[in-house]
Each structure stands twice: as structure tokens, then as C-alpha cells.
Amino acid sequence: MRKLVVLGSLALAAWTLAGCGPQVSPFPGSEVLGKADLQYYWDLTLDLDEDESLERLYLRDETLYCVTDRNRVLVLDAGRGTMRWSAELAAEGLEVFAPVHADGVRVPPEIVGMREILAGETQMGEPFDAVFFNTVSHVLLFDRRTGEKRRDIPLGFACGTTGTTDGQRFYAPAIRGSVHAIDLPEVVDLWSMGTDAFIAAAVREHDGYLYAADESGTVYAARAGDVKGATYREPVSGPVTADFHVDERGVFLPARNGRIHGLALGLTGRLWEPVIVEGDLLDAIQVGEATLYQHATPSRLYAVDVQTGQTRWQMDRGRQVLAVQEGTVYLRDDARFLRVVDEQSGKVRVSLPLGGMSVFAPNVRTDAIYAASAAGRVFCIRPAQAGLPQP
């Protein structure tokens, strides 16, 4: 039986006794974090199987998803660092894509047909907050509070990236160039939206529109629902292979050839002229309240004003934003150092090593840094003024 060893909220000691002599902890001590006015908020150790390693962390709303190399997910309360549930997502070696949240989902306990639904012969069930995982060949739907699996939907095509949902349908991207709308109560393929080329970037849904981008450098928007509405197209400067972002402000996406685009919702126009950067854009864009961040290969991070499209600053060897707080950005660099940066100017206030931490959750919404070791030690680091979680 797998066990979870909770280490609590105590600051880590720099030295621990093992055997007949002291050993240096691979993780930064509390005095190191204190130089950046940070503290360990909670930490725990996942009891992984022998030779199993932690590969990815995803922060979604109030939940932290820990995915291992064996395609097992361990689900934690992000605020308290407590275990919720775990599940096997796919056979080892198959690709599992990022989790997607939806609130108030309603599906009947069993898959039913439209005749039964229209005749009132089935109960849709109580609404629940859901998390979806899609693999190359299946869509999995879980109650994200209890971990109960509500759907395991086989697909008739190969997925190449993360799908999306509006809570009633799941939109699954076929790698060869189409997005399929799958009805959740009936589990039928309602319609599909074709694209001109392969889809490598995750698809998005926002305010009734489905968005996709392909490797031909075309962005698509379709009115979504049980029946597909008109599809709108917008060419951009180059192939889109990294994940883009959509919210009430617009569509923000990186083209591989070094252009960051800001498009209006529904693809009705451009928010600003493309931002030109040096390098290939192979990593997901990160869009915060006031600033968007984009890593350019080989090694530079750009910060751009969301409203104007003006570049605020650029940083050599900057890699990924891990947390933000009132004008302060916490980012990691290529050497696995944490840099505490002024959001407006890009000035580095302090830099400190992250030691044995090798797995990180991208985050531009909260002040919490989520990091882990491959062996399954998971940390939440927050500003000292945040206090400690209550029992």
C-alpha cells in the first residue's frame, strides 16, 4: 500500500544526521530562502514506487497535479499540501497531456442515448467539479474532489496535444489536423473543425468559442456547442507549436519564428503589432495580469506589456515564471537559480540556488512557488508574510 509521508510546514534544516556523520541537504535551507524574504510554506514526500520518478507539476486553480514517468497522477490540495487522490492515467510509455478543469459538470452515471435524454428516462446526476486528462487515445474524466472516474472515452483518432472543454463537450485535437467535439452524456462525436496542418499547440475554449492553431501558421475560432458555428481564420507569421493563452482580453500566442501575437477574441482583429524577439518560440506563453512572459530558444526570457504589446525587458538565461506578487516576479533560470525580479524594470533583486529541485509548476497567478525533486519531494514556497497554513 502506498503511503504519503507528510513533512509538515517546518523549515528544512541545512544539515541532517545520517549514518555516522552529517550530510548537506540538496535543497536550499530556510536561511537561504530568507534572503529573498521567502519561506517553506509546506512540503511533503510522495511515496513513489521503486524506480518511479516525478516528471511534471501542474497547478490548476486550487489543485496541484503530480505526474510520474509511469503515468500515475497524485493530486494534492495546493493550499495545504495534503493528499486528495491518485489514479493511473495510461500505460507506461504512452503520452498523457496536461489536465483541464471545468466546474459544475453534469453527466449521467452511465452513457445514454439521445432518445433516453429527450424522453426524460435518465438522470443527469448532480453537478461536480471535474478534471479531464486526454491521452493519445482516450479522454478521462474525474471528479476532482474525490478522484472518482466518471468517463473513460476511447477516441477513433490520435491526439497530439491537450484538449479543452466547456463542461458539456470535450474538444479533442487530432494530430493530423482537426478538432472533434465529443458530447459527454452520450459520448458521441458531434462535429469536427478541420485545420490546414498538424496541431501541436493545446486547443482552448473561451466564452463559447473554440480556438486552435496549427503548424501552417493559421489560427482558427469556431462558435462551439452541439452544432459547430462559423469558423474564422487568421494567418500569423509562422508555425504555432507551443501552447497559447485565451482569456477575456484576447488570444496571445507565440509563433515559432520569433513573433508574439495578440489577437482580439473571435479573431476580429489584432490587439497590437507582433512583438519581434530573437530565437525560436518552442515553450508555452505565460500571461499574467499585466505582463506576458515568453521563453525564446536558446536562452532568453521576454516580458511584454499585455495591453500595449511593448517589451518591458528581456533576460538572458531566464527560463520560466514560477510565481508573482504585487510587482515582483519569481522566475527560474537555466542554471536552476531562483531570480526575484521587479516586474516593470526586470531588475534582479536577489538570486538563490534551488538545489535538488528539478520539477516546477509554471505559475503567473499566485505568490506560491511549487517545486519538486524527481524522487518525489514536493515543496510550496511563499513570502514570509504569508504565515503558515493552519492545521
Protein backbone atom coordinates (compact mmCIF):
# COMPACT_ATOMS: atom_id res chain seq x y z
CA MET A 1 0.00 0.00 0.00
CA ARG A 2 1.38 3.36 -0.98
CA LYS A 3 1.94 5.79 1.86
CA LEU A 4 2.34 9.54 1.97
CA VAL A 5 4.91 10.90 4.38
CA VAL A 6 3.95 14.43 5.37
CA LEU A 7 6.88 16.52 6.50
CA GLY A 8 4.72 19.48 7.53
CA SER A 9 5.46 23.17 7.35
CA LEU A 10 8.70 23.28 9.31
CA ALA A 11 11.68 24.97 7.67
CA LEU A 12 14.20 22.49 6.31
CA ALA A 13 17.49 22.10 8.13
CA ALA A 14 20.63 22.58 6.07
CA TRP A 15 22.27 19.63 7.79
CA THR A 16 20.79 16.25 8.74
CA LEU A 17 22.33 13.30 10.56
CA ALA A 18 22.69 10.15 8.51
CA GLY A 19 24.88 7.21 9.40
CA CYS A 20 27.93 8.35 11.34
CA GLY A 21 28.25 11.90 10.02
CA PRO A 22 26.41 14.99 8.73
CA GLN A 23 25.36 15.39 5.11
CA VAL A 24 24.44 18.53 3.20
CA SER A 25 20.76 18.76 2.22
CA PRO A 26 20.35 19.11 -1.56
CA PHE A 27 17.62 21.72 -1.03
CA PRO A 28 18.10 25.36 -0.01
CA GLY A 29 17.90 25.92 3.73
CA SER A 30 15.47 28.31 5.37
CA GLU A 31 18.23 30.88 5.84
CA VAL A 32 18.86 30.85 2.07
CA LEU A 33 15.18 31.42 1.29
CA GLY A 34 15.13 34.12 3.95
CA LYS A 35 17.50 36.22 1.83
CA ALA A 36 14.60 36.60 -0.61
CA ASP A 37 12.04 37.00 2.20
CA LEU A 38 10.67 33.55 1.37
CA GLN A 39 9.81 30.51 3.48
CA TYR A 40 8.79 26.89 3.12
CA TYR A 41 5.00 27.01 3.41
CA TRP A 42 4.59 23.24 3.26
CA ASP A 43 6.50 20.25 1.97
CA LEU A 44 5.84 16.55 1.68
CA THR A 45 7.30 13.41 0.22
CA LEU A 46 5.34 11.24 -2.17
CA ASP A 47 5.97 7.53 -1.69
CA LEU A 48 6.75 6.60 -5.28
CA ASP A 49 7.29 3.05 -6.43
CA GLU A 50 10.81 1.76 -6.90
CA ASP A 51 12.43 3.41 -9.91
CA GLU A 52 9.38 5.69 -10.38
CA SER A 53 10.16 9.39 -10.75
CA LEU A 54 8.18 12.62 -10.71
CA GLU A 55 8.23 14.27 -14.13
CA ARG A 56 5.68 17.11 -14.21
CA LEU A 57 3.79 19.51 -11.93
CA TYR A 58 0.60 21.32 -12.99
CA LEU A 59 -1.13 23.99 -10.93
CA ARG A 60 -4.83 24.29 -11.76
CA ASP A 61 -6.95 26.53 -9.54
CA GLU A 62 -6.76 25.04 -6.02
CA THR A 63 -5.13 21.76 -7.09
CA LEU A 64 -1.58 20.57 -7.75
CA TYR A 65 -1.20 17.58 -10.09
CA CYS A 66 1.97 15.50 -9.80
CA VAL A 67 2.51 13.21 -12.81
CA THR A 68 5.14 10.48 -12.77
CA ASP A 69 7.05 8.72 -15.51
CA ARG A 70 4.66 5.78 -15.09
CA ASN A 71 1.66 7.94 -15.97
CA ARG A 72 0.36 7.99 -12.42
CA VAL A 73 -1.11 11.24 -11.11
CA LEU A 74 -1.01 12.17 -7.42
CA VAL A 75 -3.39 15.01 -6.64
CA LEU A 76 -2.70 17.49 -3.84
CA ASP A 77 -4.51 20.39 -2.22
CA ALA A 78 -2.25 23.21 -3.39
CA GLY A 79 -3.02 25.42 -0.40
CA ARG A 80 -2.30 22.88 2.36
CA GLY A 81 -0.11 20.26 0.77
CA THR A 82 -2.43 17.39 1.65
CA MET A 83 -3.15 14.34 -0.48
CA ARG A 84 -6.53 14.10 -2.22
CA TRP A 85 -6.35 11.07 -4.51
CA SER A 86 -4.27 9.28 -7.11
CA ALA A 87 -5.02 7.45 -10.34
CA GLU A 88 -3.39 5.55 -13.17
CA LEU A 89 -3.86 7.56 -16.38
CA ALA A 90 -2.36 5.35 -19.07
CA ALA A 91 0.07 2.55 -19.66
CA GLU A 92 3.70 3.43 -19.17
CA GLY A 93 5.22 4.94 -22.29
CA LEU A 94 2.02 6.47 -23.65
CA GLU A 95 1.74 10.24 -23.74
CA VAL A 96 -0.56 11.95 -21.24
CA PHE A 97 -1.36 15.62 -21.74
CA ALA A 98 -1.99 18.42 -19.25
CA PRO A 99 -5.10 18.47 -17.01
CA VAL A 100 -8.09 20.68 -17.83
CA HIS A 101 -10.62 21.93 -15.24
CA ALA A 102 -14.36 22.51 -15.61
CA ASP A 103 -16.82 23.41 -12.83
CA GLY A 104 -20.40 22.20 -12.49
CA VAL A 105 -20.18 19.31 -14.95
CA ARG A 106 -23.22 17.03 -15.13
CA VAL A 107 -23.18 13.60 -16.72
CA PRO A 108 -25.40 10.57 -16.09
CA PRO A 109 -23.82 7.67 -14.21
CA GLU A 110 -24.00 5.57 -17.37
CA ILE A 111 -23.57 6.51 -21.02
CA VAL A 112 -27.01 7.07 -22.54
CA GLY A 113 -28.53 7.84 -25.92
CA MET A 114 -30.35 10.96 -27.04
CA ARG A 115 -33.69 9.12 -27.07
CA GLU A 116 -33.43 8.43 -23.35
CA ILE A 117 -32.37 12.02 -22.61
CA LEU A 118 -35.26 13.53 -24.61
CA ALA A 119 -37.76 11.10 -23.09
CA GLY A 120 -36.63 12.01 -19.59
CA GLU A 121 -35.67 8.42 -18.89
CA THR A 122 -32.29 9.25 -17.43
CA GLN A 123 -30.95 11.34 -14.59
CA MET A 124 -28.09 13.67 -15.44
CA GLY A 125 -26.65 13.44 -11.93
CA GLU A 126 -25.55 16.15 -9.56
CA PRO A 127 -23.08 18.77 -10.82
CA PHE A 128 -19.45 18.27 -9.80
CA ASP A 129 -16.13 19.98 -10.37
CA ALA A 130 -14.21 17.97 -12.93
CA VAL A 131 -10.72 17.44 -14.24
CA PHE A 132 -10.05 16.00 -17.70
CA PHE A 133 -6.92 14.23 -18.90
CA ASN A 134 -6.60 13.24 -22.52
CA THR A 135 -4.05 10.76 -23.74
CA VAL A 136 -3.14 9.84 -27.29
CA SER A 137 -6.17 7.53 -27.46
CA HIS A 138 -8.59 8.32 -24.60
CA VAL A 139 -10.31 11.11 -22.66
CA LEU A 140 -10.54 10.57 -18.90
CA LEU A 141 -12.99 12.49 -16.71
CA PHE A 142 -12.61 12.55 -12.90
CA ASP A 143 -14.44 14.18 -10.03
CA ARG A 144 -11.56 16.37 -8.93
CA ARG A 145 -12.64 16.33 -5.28
CA THR A 146 -12.96 12.57 -4.81
CA GLY A 147 -10.99 11.13 -7.73
CA GLU A 148 -13.95 9.07 -8.94
CA LYS A 149 -13.57 8.29 -12.63
CA ARG A 150 -16.77 9.35 -14.43
CA ARG A 151 -15.78 8.70 -18.03
CA ASP A 152 -13.13 6.80 -20.00
CA ILE A 153 -13.79 7.70 -23.62
CA PRO A 154 -11.89 5.89 -26.40
CA LEU A 155 -11.08 8.03 -29.41
CA GLY A 156 -11.13 7.00 -33.05
CA PHE A 157 -8.08 9.10 -33.84
CA ALA A 158 -4.71 10.00 -32.31
CA CYS A 159 -4.48 13.12 -30.16
CA GLY A 160 -1.29 15.12 -30.36
CA THR A 161 -1.84 17.68 -27.60
CA THR A 162 -4.11 18.87 -24.79
CA GLY A 163 -7.82 19.20 -25.47
CA THR A 164 -10.32 21.55 -23.85
CA THR A 165 -13.90 21.58 -22.57
CA ASP A 166 -16.92 23.78 -21.99
CA GLY A 167 -18.31 21.36 -19.38
CA GLN A 168 -20.79 19.75 -21.78
CA ARG A 169 -18.43 18.73 -24.57
CA PHE A 170 -14.77 17.81 -24.76
CA TYR A 171 -12.85 19.17 -27.75
CA ALA A 172 -10.14 16.70 -28.71
CA PRO A 173 -7.41 17.71 -31.18
CA ALA A 174 -6.43 15.09 -33.74
CA ILE A 175 -2.75 15.39 -34.52
CA ARG A 176 -3.27 15.31 -38.29
CA GLY A 177 -5.37 18.43 -38.36
CA SER A 178 -8.88 18.60 -36.87
CA VAL A 179 -10.62 19.19 -33.54
CA HIS A 180 -13.53 16.93 -32.58
CA ALA A 181 -16.43 17.94 -30.32
CA ILE A 182 -17.39 14.96 -28.14
CA ASP A 183 -20.68 15.04 -26.24
CA LEU A 184 -20.08 13.97 -22.64
CA PRO A 185 -23.50 12.47 -21.72
CA GLU A 186 -23.82 10.45 -24.94
CA VAL A 187 -20.12 10.06 -25.78
CA VAL A 188 -20.64 10.72 -29.48
CA ASP A 189 -18.53 12.71 -31.91
CA LEU A 190 -20.81 15.66 -32.73
CA TRP A 191 -18.71 17.54 -35.28
CA SER A 192 -15.17 18.44 -36.20
CA MET A 193 -13.30 21.57 -37.23
CA GLY A 194 -10.66 20.98 -39.88
CA THR A 195 -7.28 22.71 -39.99
CA ASP A 196 -4.68 23.05 -42.72
CA ALA A 197 -1.83 21.30 -40.90
CA PHE A 198 -0.81 19.31 -37.84
CA ILE A 199 -1.92 20.59 -34.43
CA ALA A 200 0.82 20.69 -31.78
CA ALA A 201 -0.44 23.53 -29.53
CA ALA A 202 -3.16 22.86 -26.96
CA VAL A 203 -6.63 23.95 -28.07
CA ARG A 204 -8.63 26.42 -25.97
CA GLU A 205 -12.29 27.23 -25.26
CA HIS A 206 -13.47 30.61 -24.06
CA ASP A 207 -16.90 32.22 -23.89
CA GLY A 208 -18.48 29.83 -26.36
CA TYR A 209 -15.64 29.84 -28.90
CA LEU A 210 -13.21 27.06 -29.71
CA TYR A 211 -9.67 28.17 -30.64
CA ALA A 212 -6.93 26.17 -32.38
CA ALA A 213 -3.64 26.96 -34.12
CA ASP A 214 -1.66 24.78 -36.48
CA GLU A 215 1.80 24.37 -37.95
CA SER A 216 0.85 26.23 -41.13
CA GLY A 217 0.67 29.44 -39.11
CA THR A 218 -3.14 29.74 -39.06
CA VAL A 219 -5.33 30.43 -36.03
CA TYR A 220 -8.95 29.22 -36.01
CA ALA A 221 -12.02 30.20 -33.98
CA ALA A 222 -15.39 28.44 -34.23
CA ARG A 223 -18.63 29.08 -32.40
CA ALA A 224 -18.87 25.92 -30.31
CA GLY A 225 -21.77 23.86 -28.98
CA ASP A 226 -23.80 20.88 -30.11
CA VAL A 227 -23.56 22.24 -33.65
CA LYS A 228 -20.49 24.00 -34.98
CA GLY A 229 -20.94 27.60 -35.97
CA ALA A 230 -18.97 29.59 -38.49
CA THR A 231 -15.18 29.18 -38.45
CA TYR A 232 -12.93 32.23 -38.56
CA ARG A 233 -9.29 32.12 -39.65
CA GLU A 234 -6.36 34.44 -39.03
CA PRO A 235 -2.88 33.89 -40.51
CA VAL A 236 0.09 34.65 -38.28
CA SER A 237 3.77 34.97 -39.06
CA GLY A 238 4.86 31.37 -38.60
CA PRO A 239 4.03 27.88 -37.30
CA VAL A 240 2.40 27.69 -33.86
CA THR A 241 3.69 24.67 -31.96
CA ALA A 242 3.74 25.99 -28.37
CA ASP A 243 0.67 26.44 -26.19
CA PHE A 244 -1.13 29.76 -26.45
CA HIS A 245 -3.44 31.56 -23.99
CA VAL A 246 -7.01 32.85 -24.23
CA ASP A 247 -8.92 34.96 -21.70
CA GLU A 248 -11.37 37.87 -21.68
CA ARG A 249 -8.65 40.20 -23.01
CA GLY A 250 -7.79 38.28 -26.16
CA VAL A 251 -5.74 35.50 -27.72
CA PHE A 252 -1.99 35.56 -27.01
CA LEU A 253 0.19 33.15 -28.92
CA PRO A 254 3.83 32.54 -29.84
CA ALA A 255 4.72 31.83 -33.47
CA ARG A 256 7.75 29.65 -33.79
CA ASN A 257 9.68 32.18 -35.92
CA GLY A 258 10.11 34.70 -33.10
CA ARG A 259 6.82 36.62 -33.16
CA ILE A 260 4.38 37.07 -30.26
CA HIS A 261 0.84 37.85 -31.40
CA GLY A 262 -2.07 39.45 -29.58
CA LEU A 263 -5.43 38.87 -31.30
CA ALA A 264 -8.94 40.01 -30.40
CA LEU A 265 -11.48 37.42 -29.25
CA GLY A 266 -13.27 35.77 -32.13
CA LEU A 267 -10.29 36.73 -34.33
CA THR A 268 -11.95 40.04 -35.16
CA GLY A 269 -8.68 41.97 -35.29
CA ARG A 270 -5.24 42.46 -33.74
CA LEU A 271 -4.61 43.94 -30.32
CA TRP A 272 -1.15 45.19 -31.31
CA GLU A 273 1.56 44.60 -33.87
CA PRO A 274 3.52 41.36 -33.41
CA VAL A 275 6.34 41.54 -30.87
CA ILE A 276 9.62 40.52 -32.51
CA VAL A 277 12.05 38.54 -30.36
CA GLU A 278 15.28 36.68 -31.00
CA GLY A 279 15.02 32.91 -31.08
CA ASP A 280 12.54 30.11 -31.67
CA LEU A 281 9.35 30.12 -29.59
CA LEU A 282 9.00 26.50 -28.53
CA ASP A 283 7.63 26.95 -25.00
CA ALA A 284 4.16 27.86 -23.77
CA ILE A 285 3.37 31.54 -23.33
CA GLN A 286 2.62 32.71 -19.77
CA VAL A 287 0.08 35.52 -19.43
CA GLY A 288 -0.35 37.33 -16.10
CA GLU A 289 -2.47 40.27 -15.02
CA ALA A 290 -0.26 42.95 -16.58
CA THR A 291 2.64 41.14 -18.23
CA LEU A 292 3.09 38.17 -20.53
CA TYR A 293 6.27 36.12 -20.50
CA GLN A 294 7.79 34.13 -23.33
CA HIS A 295 10.92 32.00 -23.35
CA ALA A 296 12.86 32.06 -26.62
CA THR A 297 15.26 29.27 -27.52
CA PRO A 298 18.14 29.03 -26.95
CA SER A 299 18.04 31.02 -23.70
CA ARG A 300 16.20 34.29 -23.18
CA LEU A 301 13.00 35.32 -21.39
CA TYR A 302 10.94 38.27 -22.64
CA ALA A 303 8.42 40.28 -20.60
CA VAL A 304 5.78 42.16 -22.62
CA ASP A 305 3.02 44.55 -21.55
CA VAL A 306 -0.29 42.75 -22.17
CA GLN A 307 -2.20 45.92 -23.02
CA THR A 308 0.26 47.63 -25.36
CA GLY A 309 2.48 44.87 -26.72
CA GLN A 310 5.58 46.82 -25.66
CA THR A 311 8.56 44.82 -24.42
CA ARG A 312 9.26 45.66 -20.78
CA TRP A 313 12.57 43.78 -20.52
CA GLN A 314 14.45 40.69 -21.60
CA MET A 315 16.68 38.42 -19.56
CA ASP A 316 19.44 36.12 -20.76
CA ARG A 317 19.16 32.60 -19.34
CA GLY A 318 15.70 33.33 -17.95
CA ARG A 319 13.51 30.29 -18.35
CA GLN A 320 10.07 30.30 -16.68
CA VAL A 321 7.92 32.29 -14.23
CA LEU A 322 7.07 30.36 -11.05
CA ALA A 323 5.11 32.96 -9.04
CA VAL A 324 4.13 36.63 -8.92
CA GLN A 325 3.29 39.01 -6.10
CA GLU A 326 2.41 42.71 -6.34
CA GLY A 327 5.01 43.79 -8.88
CA THR A 328 7.52 41.06 -8.02
CA VAL A 329 8.23 38.12 -10.34
CA TYR A 330 9.84 34.89 -9.17
CA LEU A 331 11.45 33.08 -12.09
CA ARG A 332 13.91 30.27 -12.60
CA ASP A 333 16.88 30.41 -14.91
CA ASP A 334 18.77 27.80 -16.89
CA ALA A 335 21.15 27.16 -14.01
CA ARG A 336 18.22 26.35 -11.68
CA PHE A 337 18.58 29.55 -9.70
CA LEU A 338 15.55 31.47 -8.47
CA ARG A 339 15.66 35.12 -9.50
CA VAL A 340 13.47 37.67 -7.72
CA VAL A 341 12.74 40.35 -10.33
CA ASP A 342 10.96 43.69 -10.50
CA GLU A 343 8.03 43.19 -12.90
CA GLN A 344 8.31 46.60 -14.54
CA SER A 345 12.06 47.00 -14.94
CA GLY A 346 13.38 43.43 -14.90
CA LYS A 347 15.97 44.36 -12.27
CA VAL A 348 17.10 41.29 -10.31
CA ARG A 349 16.75 41.97 -6.60
CA VAL A 350 18.20 38.69 -5.37
CA SER A 351 19.19 35.30 -6.77
CA LEU A 352 19.44 32.00 -4.90
CA PRO A 353 20.06 28.33 -5.81
CA LEU A 354 17.20 25.84 -5.93
CA GLY A 355 19.49 22.87 -5.38
CA GLY A 356 17.86 19.47 -5.81
CA MET A 357 14.60 20.89 -7.12
CA SER A 358 14.23 19.88 -10.76
CA VAL A 359 10.47 19.85 -11.48
CA PHE A 360 8.47 23.11 -11.43
CA ALA A 361 4.89 24.26 -11.94
CA PRO A 362 4.54 27.32 -14.20
CA ASN A 363 2.53 29.97 -12.35
CA VAL A 364 1.73 33.63 -13.08
CA ARG A 365 -1.38 33.93 -10.88
CA THR A 366 -0.35 33.44 -7.25
CA ASP A 367 2.57 34.09 -4.89
CA ALA A 368 3.25 30.37 -4.34
CA ILE A 369 6.20 28.56 -5.91
CA TYR A 370 5.64 24.83 -6.45
CA ALA A 371 8.78 22.78 -6.99
CA ALA A 372 9.83 19.18 -6.53
CA SER A 373 12.63 16.69 -6.89
CA ALA A 374 12.42 13.77 -9.27
CA ALA A 375 12.38 11.49 -6.21
CA GLY A 376 9.02 12.95 -5.15
CA ARG A 377 9.84 15.64 -2.56
CA VAL A 378 7.29 18.43 -3.22
CA PHE A 379 7.59 21.99 -1.88
CA CYS A 380 5.42 25.06 -1.64
CA ILE A 381 7.45 28.25 -1.10
CA ARG A 382 5.72 31.55 -0.29
CA PRO A 383 6.64 35.03 1.00
CA ALA A 384 7.39 35.11 4.72
CA GLN A 385 4.44 37.43 5.38
CA ALA A 386 2.04 34.71 4.18
CA GLY A 387 2.45 32.96 7.55
CA LEU A 388 1.96 29.21 7.76
CA PRO A 389 -1.07 27.04 6.91
CA GLN A 390 -3.39 26.33 9.82
CA PRO A 391 -3.87 22.71 10.91
